């Protein structure tokens, strides 16, 4: 096992082996160079999933409260 992992530099938009860039300019770590290259794609996919989960969470229970079973 190597002690170096891949990172994606958000300024140069290039993969880097190891922590070469300042922490504010890198995403990772990633296991492979290709995963680092796909960093933006991976982040967008995760954000899409998280946004959907947030919408579901925010709407949880609203259907049962307004769908009402009993009117008082």
Protein backbone atom coordinates (compact mmCIF):
# COMPACT_ATOMS: atom_id res chain seq x y z
CA UNK A 1 0.00 0.00 0.00
CA UNK A 2 1.30 3.43 -0.88
CA UNK A 3 1.18 6.38 1.47
CA UNK A 4 0.23 8.69 -1.40
CA UNK A 5 -3.35 9.28 -2.42
CA UNK A 6 -4.80 11.19 -5.33
CA UNK A 7 -6.32 14.65 -5.02
CA UNK A 8 -8.02 17.00 -7.44
CA UNK A 9 -6.76 20.59 -7.61
CA UNK A 10 -9.82 22.81 -8.06
CA UNK A 11 -7.73 25.73 -9.36
CA UNK A 12 -5.69 23.93 -12.02
CA UNK A 13 -8.38 21.25 -12.47
CA UNK A 14 -5.66 18.59 -12.52
CA UNK A 15 -5.12 15.41 -10.49
CA UNK A 16 -2.20 15.39 -8.06
CA UNK A 17 -0.46 12.51 -6.32
CA UNK A 18 -0.19 13.55 -2.70
CA UNK A 19 -1.07 16.75 -0.84
CA UNK A 20 0.70 19.17 -3.18
CA UNK A 21 -1.83 22.01 -3.13
CA UNK A 22 -3.19 24.01 -0.20
CA UNK A 23 -6.17 22.33 1.47
CA UNK A 24 -8.56 24.99 0.15
CA UNK A 25 -7.65 24.10 -3.42
CA UNK A 26 -7.98 20.33 -3.34
CA UNK A 27 -10.65 17.66 -3.19
CA UNK A 28 -9.97 14.16 -1.99
CA UNK A 29 -8.38 11.90 -1.22
CA UNK A 30 -9.23 9.45 -3.99
CA UNK A 31 -7.94 5.93 -4.46
CA UNK A 32 -7.10 6.30 -8.15
CA UNK A 33 -5.99 8.99 -10.56
CA UNK A 34 -9.18 8.49 -12.56
CA UNK A 35 -11.33 9.05 -9.46
CA UNK A 36 -9.49 12.33 -8.88
CA UNK A 37 -10.09 13.34 -12.50
CA UNK A 38 -13.80 12.57 -11.99
CA UNK A 39 -13.95 14.62 -8.77
CA UNK A 40 -16.41 17.24 -10.09
CA UNK A 41 -18.65 14.51 -11.53
CA UNK A 42 -18.58 12.57 -8.24
CA UNK A 43 -19.35 15.73 -6.25
CA UNK A 44 -22.28 16.65 -8.52
CA UNK A 45 -23.73 13.14 -8.23
CA UNK A 46 -23.43 13.20 -4.44
CA UNK A 47 -24.96 16.68 -4.24
CA UNK A 48 -27.91 15.54 -6.36
CA UNK A 49 -28.54 12.63 -3.99
CA UNK A 50 -28.15 14.83 -0.91
CA UNK A 51 -30.49 17.50 -2.35
CA UNK A 52 -33.15 14.86 -2.95
CA UNK A 53 -32.71 13.50 0.56
CA UNK A 54 -33.05 17.03 1.95
CA UNK A 55 -36.29 17.58 -0.01
CA UNK A 56 -37.65 14.29 1.32
CA UNK A 57 -36.61 15.16 4.87
CA UNK A 58 -38.06 18.68 4.68
CA UNK A 59 -41.34 17.28 3.38
CA UNK A 60 -41.53 14.42 5.86
CA UNK A 61 -44.79 14.40 7.70
CA UNK A 62 -46.32 17.24 5.71
CA UNK A 63 -48.53 14.85 3.76
CA UNK A 64 -50.01 13.28 6.85
CA UNK A 65 -50.57 16.62 8.59
CA UNK A 66 -52.37 18.28 5.70
CA UNK A 67 -53.94 15.08 4.37
CA UNK A 68 -55.73 14.99 7.66
CA UNK A 69 -57.63 12.11 9.02
CA UNK A 70 -59.83 13.98 11.38
CA UNK A 71 -61.35 17.40 11.37
CA UNK A 72 -61.91 18.86 14.79
